[in-house]
Each structure stands twice: as structure tokens, then as C-alpha cells.
Amino acid sequence: MTRRYALRDDQWERIKDLLPGRPGTVGVTAGDNRLFVEAVVIWLL
């Protein structure tokens, strides 16, 4: 399993349903929304 550094699990649970590309929505399903969000957060730090 990949270690996550930028977001705790409770933080991810709060935002995961706000992002596009999640399973069950119209359009393309993202490969890994959490990985993308964490990359952005780390880049901004």
C-alpha cells in the first residue's frame, strides 16, 4: 500500500465526494483523485 503524507484519512473523507471523476458520476473516472489532490497540496507547500 502507498503511504500518504499530505492528507489524513479523515480529511480525505471530508472532500472526496466533492471532486469530479469519482466512480458513479457522468464522464471519465479518475485513476486516483487522492493522489492528485495530495500532489497539489505538496506542490503548494
N, C-alpha and C. Protein backbone atom coordinates (compact mmCIF):
# COMPACT_ATOMS: atom_id res chain seq x y z
N MET A 1 0.84 -1.18 0.00
CA MET A 1 0.00 0.00 0.00
C MET A 1 0.89 1.25 0.00
N THR A 2 0.46 2.26 -0.72
CA THR A 2 1.21 3.50 -0.81
C THR A 2 0.98 4.33 0.46
N ARG A 3 2.05 4.86 0.99
CA ARG A 3 1.92 5.74 2.16
C ARG A 3 1.45 7.11 1.70
N ARG A 4 0.55 7.69 2.45
CA ARG A 4 0.05 9.03 2.16
C ARG A 4 0.64 9.99 3.18
N TYR A 5 1.00 11.15 2.73
CA TYR A 5 1.63 12.12 3.62
C TYR A 5 0.85 13.42 3.76
N ALA A 6 0.22 13.87 2.71
CA ALA A 6 -0.39 15.21 2.71
C ALA A 6 -1.73 15.25 3.42
N LEU A 7 -2.53 14.22 3.29
CA LEU A 7 -3.87 14.21 3.87
C LEU A 7 -4.06 13.02 4.80
N ARG A 8 -4.65 13.29 5.94
CA ARG A 8 -5.06 12.19 6.82
C ARG A 8 -6.34 11.59 6.24
N ASP A 9 -6.66 10.39 6.65
CA ASP A 9 -7.86 9.72 6.15
C ASP A 9 -9.13 10.51 6.46
N ASP A 10 -9.22 11.13 7.63
CA ASP A 10 -10.42 11.89 7.97
C ASP A 10 -10.56 13.13 7.08
N GLN A 11 -9.45 13.74 6.71
CA GLN A 11 -9.50 14.88 5.81
C GLN A 11 -9.96 14.46 4.42
N TRP A 12 -9.45 13.34 3.94
CA TRP A 12 -9.83 12.83 2.64
C TRP A 12 -11.32 12.50 2.60
N GLU A 13 -11.83 11.89 3.64
CA GLU A 13 -13.25 11.53 3.71
C GLU A 13 -14.14 12.77 3.57
N ARG A 14 -13.68 13.90 4.09
CA ARG A 14 -14.48 15.13 4.03
C ARG A 14 -14.56 15.72 2.63
N ILE A 15 -13.55 15.51 1.79
CA ILE A 15 -13.54 16.17 0.48
C ILE A 15 -13.74 15.24 -0.71
N LYS A 16 -13.62 13.94 -0.53
CA LYS A 16 -13.59 13.02 -1.67
C LYS A 16 -14.85 13.09 -2.54
N ASP A 17 -16.00 13.34 -1.95
CA ASP A 17 -17.23 13.38 -2.74
C ASP A 17 -17.45 14.71 -3.45
N LEU A 18 -16.58 15.67 -3.24
CA LEU A 18 -16.69 16.98 -3.90
C LEU A 18 -15.93 17.03 -5.22
N LEU A 19 -15.10 16.02 -5.48
CA LEU A 19 -14.22 16.04 -6.64
C LEU A 19 -14.88 15.40 -7.87
N PRO A 20 -14.59 15.94 -9.06
CA PRO A 20 -15.07 15.29 -10.28
C PRO A 20 -14.26 14.02 -10.55
N GLY A 21 -14.79 13.17 -11.40
CA GLY A 21 -14.06 11.98 -11.81
C GLY A 21 -14.19 10.80 -10.87
N ARG A 22 -15.11 10.88 -9.91
CA ARG A 22 -15.27 9.76 -8.99
C ARG A 22 -16.20 8.71 -9.61
N PRO A 23 -16.08 7.47 -9.22
CA PRO A 23 -16.93 6.42 -9.77
C PRO A 23 -18.41 6.75 -9.54
N GLY A 24 -19.22 6.45 -10.56
CA GLY A 24 -20.66 6.68 -10.46
C GLY A 24 -21.12 8.03 -10.97
N THR A 25 -20.19 8.91 -11.35
CA THR A 25 -20.58 10.20 -11.91
C THR A 25 -20.43 10.17 -13.43
N VAL A 26 -21.07 11.09 -14.09
CA VAL A 26 -21.01 11.18 -15.53
C VAL A 26 -19.61 11.64 -15.94
N GLY A 27 -19.11 11.07 -17.02
CA GLY A 27 -17.81 11.47 -17.53
C GLY A 27 -16.74 10.43 -17.22
N VAL A 28 -15.52 10.85 -17.37
CA VAL A 28 -14.38 9.95 -17.19
C VAL A 28 -14.09 9.77 -15.70
N THR A 29 -13.82 8.54 -15.31
CA THR A 29 -13.45 8.26 -13.92
C THR A 29 -11.95 8.46 -13.75
N ALA A 30 -11.59 9.23 -12.75
CA ALA A 30 -10.18 9.49 -12.48
C ALA A 30 -9.50 8.23 -11.95
N GLY A 31 -8.23 8.12 -12.22
CA GLY A 31 -7.48 6.97 -11.75
C GLY A 31 -7.30 6.98 -10.24
N ASP A 32 -6.94 8.13 -9.70
CA ASP A 32 -6.70 8.24 -8.26
C ASP A 32 -6.81 9.70 -7.85
N ASN A 33 -8.01 10.13 -7.48
CA ASN A 33 -8.22 11.52 -7.10
C ASN A 33 -7.37 11.91 -5.89
N ARG A 34 -7.22 11.00 -4.95
CA ARG A 34 -6.45 11.34 -3.74
C ARG A 34 -4.99 11.62 -4.09
N LEU A 35 -4.43 10.83 -4.94
CA LEU A 35 -3.04 11.04 -5.34
C LEU A 35 -2.89 12.41 -6.00
N PHE A 36 -3.84 12.78 -6.84
CA PHE A 36 -3.79 14.09 -7.50
C PHE A 36 -3.88 15.22 -6.48
N VAL A 37 -4.83 15.13 -5.56
CA VAL A 37 -5.01 16.18 -4.55
C VAL A 37 -3.77 16.30 -3.68
N GLU A 38 -3.21 15.18 -3.29
CA GLU A 38 -2.01 15.22 -2.46
C GLU A 38 -0.83 15.83 -3.21
N ALA A 39 -0.71 15.56 -4.49
CA ALA A 39 0.36 16.16 -5.28
C ALA A 39 0.21 17.68 -5.32
N VAL A 40 -1.01 18.16 -5.48
CA VAL A 40 -1.26 19.60 -5.50
C VAL A 40 -0.94 20.21 -4.14
N VAL A 41 -1.36 19.57 -3.08
CA VAL A 41 -1.11 20.09 -1.73
C VAL A 41 0.40 20.16 -1.47
N ILE A 42 1.13 19.14 -1.82
CA ILE A 42 2.58 19.14 -1.61
C ILE A 42 3.24 20.22 -2.45
N TRP A 43 2.77 20.40 -3.68
CA TRP A 43 3.34 21.43 -4.55
C TRP A 43 3.11 22.83 -3.97
N LEU A 44 1.95 23.03 -3.35
CA LEU A 44 1.64 24.34 -2.77
C LEU A 44 2.42 24.62 -1.49
N LEU A 45 2.89 23.58 -0.84
CA LEU A 45 3.66 23.80 0.40
C LEU A 45 5.02 24.29 0.02
